[in-house]
Amino acid sequence: MPDKDPVVERLSLEVLALRNIVQMLIAYGNVPTGGKLNKYLEKIAEEVEHRDGREANKAIADVIRGYIPVSYTHLRAHETRSN
């Protein structure tokens, strides 16, 4: 088995840490949708995506963006549009 890429390993750890932070915030009801958390996660995703030109960075950035919370109204709009 080839050696693991240290950059991918580090980014994977960053994503897991970020995931845990977001899940904890959600559990305690402290997720400011449309606020500072969203901007912070988008900033991290942008930095990761353009970090060093690796193809894997886009996938990692997409995972980070997947944790950006949205409002209840936003979710209902998607539900209404799909019905």
Protein backbone atom coordinates (compact mmCIF):
# COMPACT_ATOMS: atom_id res chain seq x y z
CA MET A 1 0.00 0.00 0.00
CA PRO A 2 1.44 3.43 -0.91
CA ASP A 3 2.26 5.91 1.81
CA LYS A 4 -0.53 8.27 2.70
CA ASP A 5 -0.16 11.83 1.47
CA PRO A 6 0.59 13.95 4.56
CA VAL A 7 -1.34 16.92 3.15
CA VAL A 8 -4.46 14.80 2.61
CA GLU A 9 -4.09 13.32 6.10
CA ARG A 10 -3.82 16.79 7.67
CA LEU A 11 -6.78 18.12 5.70
CA SER A 12 -8.81 15.05 6.67
CA LEU A 13 -8.09 15.78 10.32
CA GLU A 14 -9.09 19.42 9.81
CA VAL A 15 -12.40 18.34 8.26
CA LEU A 16 -13.10 15.92 11.10
CA ALA A 17 -12.33 18.59 13.70
CA LEU A 18 -14.57 21.07 11.89
CA ARG A 19 -17.33 18.48 11.69
CA ASN A 20 -17.15 17.88 15.43
CA ILE A 21 -17.28 21.61 16.17
CA VAL A 22 -20.32 22.14 13.94
CA GLN A 23 -22.12 19.11 15.39
CA MET A 24 -21.47 20.38 18.90
CA LEU A 25 -22.80 23.83 18.02
CA ILE A 26 -25.90 22.30 16.47
CA ALA A 27 -26.47 20.06 19.50
CA TYR A 28 -26.40 23.07 21.81
CA GLY A 29 -28.53 25.20 19.48
CA ASN A 30 -25.84 27.82 18.98
CA VAL A 31 -25.58 27.79 15.20
CA PRO A 32 -26.04 31.30 13.85
CA THR A 33 -27.36 30.51 10.37
CA GLY A 34 -26.40 33.15 7.86
CA GLY A 35 -23.92 34.53 10.34
CA LYS A 36 -20.33 34.21 11.42
CA LEU A 37 -20.18 30.40 11.31
CA ASN A 38 -21.32 30.32 7.68
CA LYS A 39 -18.72 32.92 6.69
CA TYR A 40 -16.00 31.10 8.63
CA LEU A 41 -16.79 27.72 7.02
CA GLU A 42 -16.93 29.26 3.54
CA LYS A 43 -13.57 30.96 4.15
CA ILE A 44 -12.02 27.65 5.24
CA ALA A 45 -13.52 25.88 2.21
CA GLU A 46 -12.12 28.53 -0.16
CA GLU A 47 -8.67 28.29 1.41
CA VAL A 48 -8.65 24.49 1.20
CA GLU A 49 -9.95 24.43 -2.38
CA HIS A 50 -7.21 26.74 -3.64
CA ARG A 51 -4.43 25.67 -1.30
CA ASP A 52 -2.00 23.85 -3.58
CA GLY A 53 -3.77 22.88 -6.78
CA ARG A 54 -4.53 19.29 -5.77
CA GLU A 55 -7.66 17.71 -7.20
CA ALA A 56 -8.62 16.30 -3.78
CA ASN A 57 -8.95 19.81 -2.35
CA LYS A 58 -12.22 20.42 -4.22
CA ALA A 59 -13.78 17.33 -2.65
CA ILE A 60 -12.60 18.37 0.81
CA ALA A 61 -13.93 21.90 0.28
CA ASP A 62 -17.29 20.44 -0.77
CA VAL A 63 -17.41 18.40 2.45
CA ILE A 64 -16.75 21.54 4.48
CA ARG A 65 -19.47 23.42 2.59
CA GLY A 66 -21.83 20.56 3.41
CA TYR A 67 -21.65 21.61 7.05
CA ILE A 68 -22.71 25.20 6.43
CA PRO A 69 -26.07 25.44 8.18
CA VAL A 70 -29.10 26.87 6.45
CA SER A 71 -32.26 28.37 7.89
CA TYR A 72 -35.53 26.53 8.33
CA THR A 73 -37.08 28.84 5.71
CA HIS A 74 -34.38 27.84 3.23
CA LEU A 75 -35.08 24.14 3.83
CA ARG A 76 -38.84 24.66 3.41
CA ALA A 77 -38.27 26.49 0.13
CA HIS A 78 -36.41 23.47 -1.25
CA GLU A 79 -39.10 21.12 0.01
CA THR A 80 -41.84 23.21 -1.61
CA ARG A 81 -39.93 23.46 -4.88
CA SER A 82 -39.47 19.66 -5.05
CA ASN A 83 -43.16 18.87 -4.46
